[in-house]
N, C-alpha and C. Protein backbone atom coordinates (compact mmCIF):
# COMPACT_ATOMS: atom_id res chain seq x y z
N UNK A 1 10.40 -1.84 -1.37
CA UNK A 1 10.23 -1.89 -2.80
C UNK A 1 11.32 -1.09 -3.52
N UNK A 2 11.60 0.14 -3.05
CA UNK A 2 12.58 0.97 -3.75
C UNK A 2 14.00 0.44 -3.57
N UNK A 3 14.28 -0.09 -2.39
CA UNK A 3 15.60 -0.71 -2.18
C UNK A 3 15.77 -1.89 -3.12
N UNK A 4 14.71 -2.66 -3.26
CA UNK A 4 14.74 -3.81 -4.17
C UNK A 4 14.98 -3.36 -5.62
N UNK A 5 14.35 -2.26 -6.02
CA UNK A 5 14.54 -1.72 -7.37
C UNK A 5 16.00 -1.34 -7.59
N UNK A 6 16.58 -0.61 -6.65
CA UNK A 6 17.97 -0.17 -6.78
C UNK A 6 18.91 -1.36 -6.87
N UNK A 7 18.69 -2.37 -6.04
CA UNK A 7 19.52 -3.58 -6.07
C UNK A 7 19.37 -4.32 -7.39
N UNK A 8 18.15 -4.38 -7.92
CA UNK A 8 17.90 -5.07 -9.19
C UNK A 8 18.56 -4.33 -10.36
N UNK A 9 18.52 -3.01 -10.34
CA UNK A 9 19.18 -2.22 -11.38
C UNK A 9 20.68 -2.49 -11.36
N UNK A 10 21.28 -2.41 -10.18
CA UNK A 10 22.72 -2.64 -10.04
C UNK A 10 23.09 -4.05 -10.48
N UNK A 11 22.33 -5.03 -10.04
CA UNK A 11 22.61 -6.42 -10.39
C UNK A 11 22.50 -6.66 -11.90
N UNK A 12 21.46 -6.10 -12.52
CA UNK A 12 21.25 -6.25 -13.96
C UNK A 12 22.40 -5.62 -14.74
N UNK A 13 22.80 -4.42 -14.35
CA UNK A 13 23.91 -3.74 -15.04
C UNK A 13 25.22 -4.49 -14.86
N UNK A 14 25.49 -4.94 -13.64
CA UNK A 14 26.74 -5.66 -13.37
C UNK A 14 26.85 -6.95 -14.18
N UNK A 15 25.74 -7.64 -14.35
CA UNK A 15 25.75 -8.92 -15.07
C UNK A 15 25.84 -8.76 -16.59
N UNK A 16 25.45 -7.60 -17.11
CA UNK A 16 25.31 -7.46 -18.56
C UNK A 16 26.12 -6.35 -19.22
N UNK A 17 26.85 -5.56 -18.44
CA UNK A 17 27.48 -4.37 -19.02
C UNK A 17 29.01 -4.33 -18.97
N UNK A 18 29.68 -5.40 -18.61
CA UNK A 18 31.15 -5.45 -18.59
C UNK A 18 31.77 -4.24 -17.89
N UNK A 19 31.38 -4.04 -16.64
CA UNK A 19 31.88 -2.91 -15.86
C UNK A 19 33.20 -3.26 -15.20
N UNK A 20 33.95 -2.23 -14.82
CA UNK A 20 35.24 -2.44 -14.16
C UNK A 20 35.09 -2.94 -12.73
N UNK A 21 33.96 -2.63 -12.09
CA UNK A 21 33.74 -3.02 -10.69
C UNK A 21 32.24 -3.07 -10.43
N UNK A 22 31.88 -3.59 -9.25
CA UNK A 22 30.48 -3.61 -8.85
C UNK A 22 29.98 -2.18 -8.64
N UNK A 23 28.68 -2.00 -8.76
CA UNK A 23 28.06 -0.71 -8.51
C UNK A 23 27.81 -0.58 -7.01
N UNK A 24 28.35 0.46 -6.41
CA UNK A 24 28.15 0.70 -4.99
C UNK A 24 26.79 1.35 -4.77
N UNK A 25 26.10 0.91 -3.72
CA UNK A 25 24.83 1.52 -3.35
C UNK A 25 25.00 2.35 -2.08
N UNK A 26 26.23 2.47 -1.60
CA UNK A 26 26.51 3.19 -0.36
C UNK A 26 27.17 4.54 -0.59
N UNK A 27 28.23 4.57 -1.42
CA UNK A 27 28.90 5.82 -1.73
C UNK A 27 29.79 5.64 -2.94
N UNK A 28 30.18 6.74 -3.54
CA UNK A 28 31.08 6.69 -4.69
C UNK A 28 32.47 6.35 -4.17
N UNK A 29 33.03 5.21 -4.58
CA UNK A 29 34.33 4.79 -4.06
C UNK A 29 35.42 5.82 -4.34
N UNK A 30 36.23 6.11 -3.32
CA UNK A 30 37.29 7.11 -3.44
C UNK A 30 38.31 6.71 -4.50
N UNK A 31 38.55 5.41 -4.64
CA UNK A 31 39.53 4.94 -5.60
C UNK A 31 39.00 4.80 -7.02
N UNK A 32 37.75 5.16 -7.22
CA UNK A 32 37.13 5.03 -8.53
C UNK A 32 36.07 3.96 -8.53
N UNK A 33 35.08 4.12 -9.38
CA UNK A 33 33.99 3.16 -9.47
C UNK A 33 32.69 3.83 -9.83
N UNK A 34 31.60 3.09 -9.62
CA UNK A 34 30.27 3.57 -9.97
C UNK A 34 29.38 3.51 -8.74
N UNK A 35 28.53 4.50 -8.60
CA UNK A 35 27.61 4.59 -7.46
C UNK A 35 26.22 4.87 -8.01
N UNK A 36 25.19 4.30 -7.37
CA UNK A 36 23.80 4.53 -7.78
C UNK A 36 22.96 4.92 -6.57
N UNK A 37 22.06 5.87 -6.78
CA UNK A 37 21.11 6.24 -5.72
C UNK A 37 19.79 6.65 -6.36
N UNK A 38 18.73 6.53 -5.58
CA UNK A 38 17.40 6.90 -6.06
C UNK A 38 17.16 8.38 -5.87
N UNK A 39 16.46 8.97 -6.82
CA UNK A 39 16.05 10.37 -6.71
C UNK A 39 14.61 10.45 -6.25
N UNK A 40 14.05 11.63 -6.35
CA UNK A 40 12.68 11.86 -5.92
C UNK A 40 11.71 11.39 -7.00
N UNK A 41 11.01 10.31 -6.72
CA UNK A 41 10.07 9.74 -7.69
C UNK A 41 8.69 10.37 -7.59
N UNK A 42 7.84 9.98 -8.53
CA UNK A 42 6.47 10.48 -8.51
C UNK A 42 5.54 9.43 -9.08
N UNK A 43 4.27 9.52 -8.68
CA UNK A 43 3.24 8.60 -9.14
C UNK A 43 2.63 9.14 -10.43
N UNK A 44 2.68 8.32 -11.48
CA UNK A 44 2.08 8.72 -12.76
C UNK A 44 0.58 8.47 -12.78
N UNK A 45 0.18 7.33 -12.21
CA UNK A 45 -1.24 6.99 -12.21
C UNK A 45 -1.54 6.01 -11.08
N UNK A 46 -2.79 6.02 -10.64
CA UNK A 46 -3.26 5.10 -9.61
C UNK A 46 -4.54 4.45 -10.12
N UNK A 47 -4.62 3.13 -10.00
CA UNK A 47 -5.81 2.42 -10.45
C UNK A 47 -6.83 2.33 -9.31
N UNK A 48 -8.00 1.80 -9.64
CA UNK A 48 -9.07 1.68 -8.65
C UNK A 48 -8.68 0.81 -7.46
N UNK A 49 -7.82 -0.18 -7.70
CA UNK A 49 -7.40 -1.07 -6.61
C UNK A 49 -6.15 -0.55 -5.89
N UNK A 50 -5.83 0.72 -6.12
CA UNK A 50 -4.71 1.41 -5.48
C UNK A 50 -3.33 0.98 -5.98
N UNK A 51 -3.27 0.21 -7.05
CA UNK A 51 -1.98 -0.10 -7.67
C UNK A 51 -1.51 1.17 -8.38
N UNK A 52 -0.20 1.39 -8.39
CA UNK A 52 0.33 2.63 -8.94
C UNK A 52 1.41 2.37 -9.99
N UNK A 53 1.49 3.29 -10.94
CA UNK A 53 2.63 3.35 -11.86
C UNK A 53 3.46 4.54 -11.40
N UNK A 54 4.72 4.27 -11.06
CA UNK A 54 5.61 5.31 -10.54
C UNK A 54 6.82 5.46 -11.43
N UNK A 55 7.35 6.67 -11.51
CA UNK A 55 8.62 6.93 -12.17
C UNK A 55 9.63 7.24 -11.07
N UNK A 56 10.70 6.45 -11.05
CA UNK A 56 11.74 6.60 -10.04
C UNK A 56 13.05 6.96 -10.73
N UNK A 57 13.56 8.17 -10.53
CA UNK A 57 14.86 8.53 -11.11
C UNK A 57 16.00 7.82 -10.38
N UNK A 58 16.97 7.37 -11.14
CA UNK A 58 18.16 6.73 -10.57
C UNK A 58 19.37 7.52 -11.06
N UNK A 59 20.10 8.08 -10.10
CA UNK A 59 21.32 8.82 -10.40
C UNK A 59 22.49 7.85 -10.41
N UNK A 60 23.26 7.86 -11.48
CA UNK A 60 24.48 7.06 -11.56
C UNK A 60 25.67 8.01 -11.63
N UNK A 61 26.64 7.78 -10.76
CA UNK A 61 27.87 8.56 -10.74
C UNK A 61 29.03 7.62 -11.02
N UNK A 62 30.01 8.11 -11.77
CA UNK A 62 31.21 7.32 -12.05
C UNK A 62 32.44 8.17 -11.79
N UNK A 63 33.41 7.58 -11.13
CA UNK A 63 34.71 8.23 -10.88
C UNK A 63 35.77 7.31 -11.46
N UNK A 64 36.63 7.87 -12.33
CA UNK A 64 37.65 7.05 -12.99
C UNK A 64 38.79 7.95 -13.46
N UNK A 65 40.01 7.44 -13.41
CA UNK A 65 41.18 8.20 -13.86
C UNK A 65 41.18 8.38 -15.38
N UNK A 66 40.57 7.43 -16.09
CA UNK A 66 40.49 7.48 -17.55
C UNK A 66 39.15 8.09 -17.95
N UNK A 67 39.19 9.30 -18.49
CA UNK A 67 37.95 10.01 -18.83
C UNK A 67 37.08 9.22 -19.79
N UNK A 68 37.68 8.63 -20.79
CA UNK A 68 36.93 7.87 -21.79
C UNK A 68 36.22 6.68 -21.15
N UNK A 69 36.92 5.96 -20.29
CA UNK A 69 36.33 4.78 -19.64
C UNK A 69 35.21 5.20 -18.68
N UNK A 70 35.38 6.33 -18.04
CA UNK A 70 34.37 6.86 -17.13
C UNK A 70 33.05 7.07 -17.90
N UNK A 71 33.15 7.74 -19.03
CA UNK A 71 31.98 8.01 -19.87
C UNK A 71 31.42 6.72 -20.46
N UNK A 72 32.29 5.85 -20.95
CA UNK A 72 31.85 4.60 -21.59
C UNK A 72 31.00 3.75 -20.66
N UNK A 73 31.42 3.62 -19.41
CA UNK A 73 30.68 2.75 -18.49
C UNK A 73 29.25 3.25 -18.27
N UNK A 74 29.09 4.56 -18.11
CA UNK A 74 27.73 5.10 -17.93
C UNK A 74 26.91 4.97 -19.21
N UNK A 75 27.54 5.18 -20.35
CA UNK A 75 26.84 5.03 -21.64
C UNK A 75 26.36 3.60 -21.84
N UNK A 76 27.20 2.64 -21.49
CA UNK A 76 26.83 1.23 -21.64
C UNK A 76 25.65 0.88 -20.74
N UNK A 77 25.70 1.33 -19.49
CA UNK A 77 24.60 1.05 -18.55
C UNK A 77 23.31 1.68 -19.06
N UNK A 78 23.35 2.97 -19.42
CA UNK A 78 22.16 3.68 -19.88
C UNK A 78 21.60 3.04 -21.14
N UNK A 79 22.45 2.73 -22.09
CA UNK A 79 22.00 2.12 -23.34
C UNK A 79 21.40 0.75 -23.14
N UNK A 80 22.04 -0.05 -22.28
CA UNK A 80 21.54 -1.40 -22.04
C UNK A 80 20.17 -1.36 -21.37
N UNK A 81 20.05 -0.59 -20.28
CA UNK A 81 18.78 -0.57 -19.54
C UNK A 81 17.66 0.07 -20.35
N UNK A 82 17.96 1.09 -21.14
CA UNK A 82 16.93 1.71 -21.96
C UNK A 82 16.50 0.79 -23.11
N UNK A 83 17.41 -0.03 -23.59
CA UNK A 83 17.12 -0.87 -24.74
C UNK A 83 16.47 -2.21 -24.44
N UNK A 84 16.33 -2.55 -23.17
CA UNK A 84 15.72 -3.84 -22.83
C UNK A 84 14.29 -3.93 -23.34
N UNK A 85 13.94 -5.07 -23.90
CA UNK A 85 12.56 -5.31 -24.34
C UNK A 85 11.74 -5.91 -23.20
N UNK A 86 12.43 -6.69 -22.34
CA UNK A 86 11.77 -7.30 -21.19
C UNK A 86 12.65 -7.05 -19.98
N UNK A 87 12.07 -6.47 -18.94
CA UNK A 87 12.82 -6.12 -17.75
C UNK A 87 12.71 -7.21 -16.69
N UNK A 88 13.77 -7.39 -15.90
CA UNK A 88 13.68 -8.33 -14.78
C UNK A 88 12.60 -7.84 -13.81
N UNK A 89 11.93 -8.75 -13.16
CA UNK A 89 10.84 -8.38 -12.26
C UNK A 89 11.26 -8.50 -10.81
N UNK A 90 10.76 -7.59 -9.99
CA UNK A 90 11.00 -7.65 -8.56
C UNK A 90 9.92 -8.46 -7.87
N UNK A 91 10.10 -8.68 -6.59
CA UNK A 91 9.09 -9.40 -5.80
C UNK A 91 7.93 -8.49 -5.43
N UNK A 92 8.21 -7.19 -5.32
CA UNK A 92 7.19 -6.24 -4.86
C UNK A 92 6.74 -5.25 -5.94
N UNK A 93 7.26 -5.40 -7.15
CA UNK A 93 6.92 -4.48 -8.23
C UNK A 93 7.21 -5.13 -9.58
N UNK A 94 6.66 -4.53 -10.63
CA UNK A 94 7.00 -4.91 -12.01
C UNK A 94 7.75 -3.75 -12.63
N UNK A 95 8.92 -4.03 -13.19
CA UNK A 95 9.74 -3.01 -13.85
C UNK A 95 9.23 -2.90 -15.28
N UNK A 96 8.68 -1.76 -15.64
CA UNK A 96 8.02 -1.59 -16.94
C UNK A 96 8.92 -1.01 -18.02
N UNK A 97 9.76 -0.02 -17.66
CA UNK A 97 10.52 0.69 -18.68
C UNK A 97 11.62 1.52 -18.03
N UNK A 98 12.61 1.89 -18.82
CA UNK A 98 13.65 2.82 -18.39
C UNK A 98 13.96 3.75 -19.55
N UNK A 99 14.04 5.04 -19.26
CA UNK A 99 14.44 6.03 -20.25
C UNK A 99 15.57 6.87 -19.66
N UNK A 100 16.38 7.43 -20.54
CA UNK A 100 17.48 8.28 -20.09
C UNK A 100 16.94 9.70 -19.93
N UNK A 101 16.96 10.21 -18.70
CA UNK A 101 16.50 11.57 -18.43
C UNK A 101 17.63 12.58 -18.60
N UNK A 102 18.86 12.16 -18.30
CA UNK A 102 20.04 13.01 -18.47
C UNK A 102 21.16 12.12 -19.00
N UNK A 103 21.60 12.41 -20.20
CA UNK A 103 22.67 11.62 -20.81
C UNK A 103 23.95 11.73 -19.99
N UNK A 104 24.80 10.70 -20.05
CA UNK A 104 26.07 10.76 -19.33
C UNK A 104 26.88 11.99 -19.74
N UNK A 105 27.38 12.71 -18.72
CA UNK A 105 28.17 13.91 -18.98
C UNK A 105 29.12 14.17 -17.82
N UNK A 106 30.14 14.94 -18.11
CA UNK A 106 31.16 15.27 -17.11
C UNK A 106 30.59 16.26 -16.11
N UNK A 107 30.83 15.99 -14.82
CA UNK A 107 30.37 16.91 -13.78
C UNK A 107 31.52 17.47 -12.96
N UNK A 108 32.74 16.97 -13.19
CA UNK A 108 33.86 17.51 -12.46
C UNK A 108 35.11 16.67 -12.59
N UNK A 109 36.15 17.18 -11.91
CA UNK A 109 37.43 16.49 -11.93
C UNK A 109 38.14 16.81 -10.63
N UNK A 110 38.69 15.80 -9.97
CA UNK A 110 39.43 16.00 -8.73
C UNK A 110 40.77 16.66 -9.01
N UNK A 111 41.39 17.18 -7.96
CA UNK A 111 42.71 17.80 -8.09
C UNK A 111 43.75 16.82 -8.61
N UNK A 112 43.56 15.53 -8.29
CA UNK A 112 44.52 14.52 -8.74
C UNK A 112 44.23 14.02 -10.16
N UNK A 113 43.26 14.64 -10.83
CA UNK A 113 42.99 14.31 -12.23
C UNK A 113 41.93 13.25 -12.46
N UNK A 114 41.29 12.75 -11.39
CA UNK A 114 40.24 11.74 -11.54
C UNK A 114 38.95 12.42 -11.99
N UNK A 115 38.32 11.85 -13.02
CA UNK A 115 37.12 12.42 -13.63
C UNK A 115 35.85 11.93 -12.94
N UNK A 116 34.82 12.78 -12.98
CA UNK A 116 33.50 12.45 -12.45
C UNK A 116 32.47 12.66 -13.56
N UNK A 117 31.65 11.64 -13.79
CA UNK A 117 30.56 11.72 -14.76
C UNK A 117 29.26 11.28 -14.08
N UNK A 118 28.13 11.73 -14.62
CA UNK A 118 26.84 11.33 -14.08
C UNK A 118 25.83 11.14 -15.20
N UNK A 119 24.78 10.40 -14.89
CA UNK A 119 23.60 10.31 -15.75
C UNK A 119 22.41 9.98 -14.87
N UNK A 120 21.21 10.24 -15.38
CA UNK A 120 19.99 9.94 -14.65
C UNK A 120 19.09 9.09 -15.54
N UNK A 121 18.63 7.98 -14.97
CA UNK A 121 17.70 7.08 -15.66
C UNK A 121 16.35 7.15 -14.96
N UNK A 122 15.27 7.29 -15.72
CA UNK A 122 13.93 7.24 -15.16
C UNK A 122 13.39 5.83 -15.32
N UNK A 123 13.17 5.17 -14.20
CA UNK A 123 12.66 3.80 -14.21
C UNK A 123 11.18 3.81 -13.86
N UNK A 124 10.39 3.23 -14.73
CA UNK A 124 8.94 3.16 -14.52
C UNK A 124 8.60 1.79 -13.93
N UNK A 125 7.88 1.80 -12.80
CA UNK A 125 7.51 0.55 -12.14
C UNK A 125 6.00 0.54 -11.85
N UNK A 126 5.47 -0.67 -11.73
CA UNK A 126 4.07 -0.88 -11.36
C UNK A 126 4.08 -1.60 -10.03
N UNK A 127 3.40 -1.00 -9.05
CA UNK A 127 3.40 -1.63 -7.72
C UNK A 127 2.04 -1.47 -7.03
């Protein structure tokens, strides 16, 4: 279920956010790009039939030589996913909502001048 969520987030952002490259789910590309990984989620509520509403944090990292473009890409992803009125649905869960838990911000810079930015999105799912 969680792997499916991460893939659906990446696919949705790639199709709708005019990114420079695909979102990697394996590692932050050395040559620049965007990477996504799941954080430690928690259960908000459980119903009588054991269905749960969970909040799953998604960390997005961006590495880019152009500081402005690095920030822009994360802002576009965060704004798009938070602003959706209807979310794509998974096979094993329903995607209910996304909120920005940590706005895109600079987290570092390599010796060669490549910038690093991050943001965290809280994705609420029903499963």
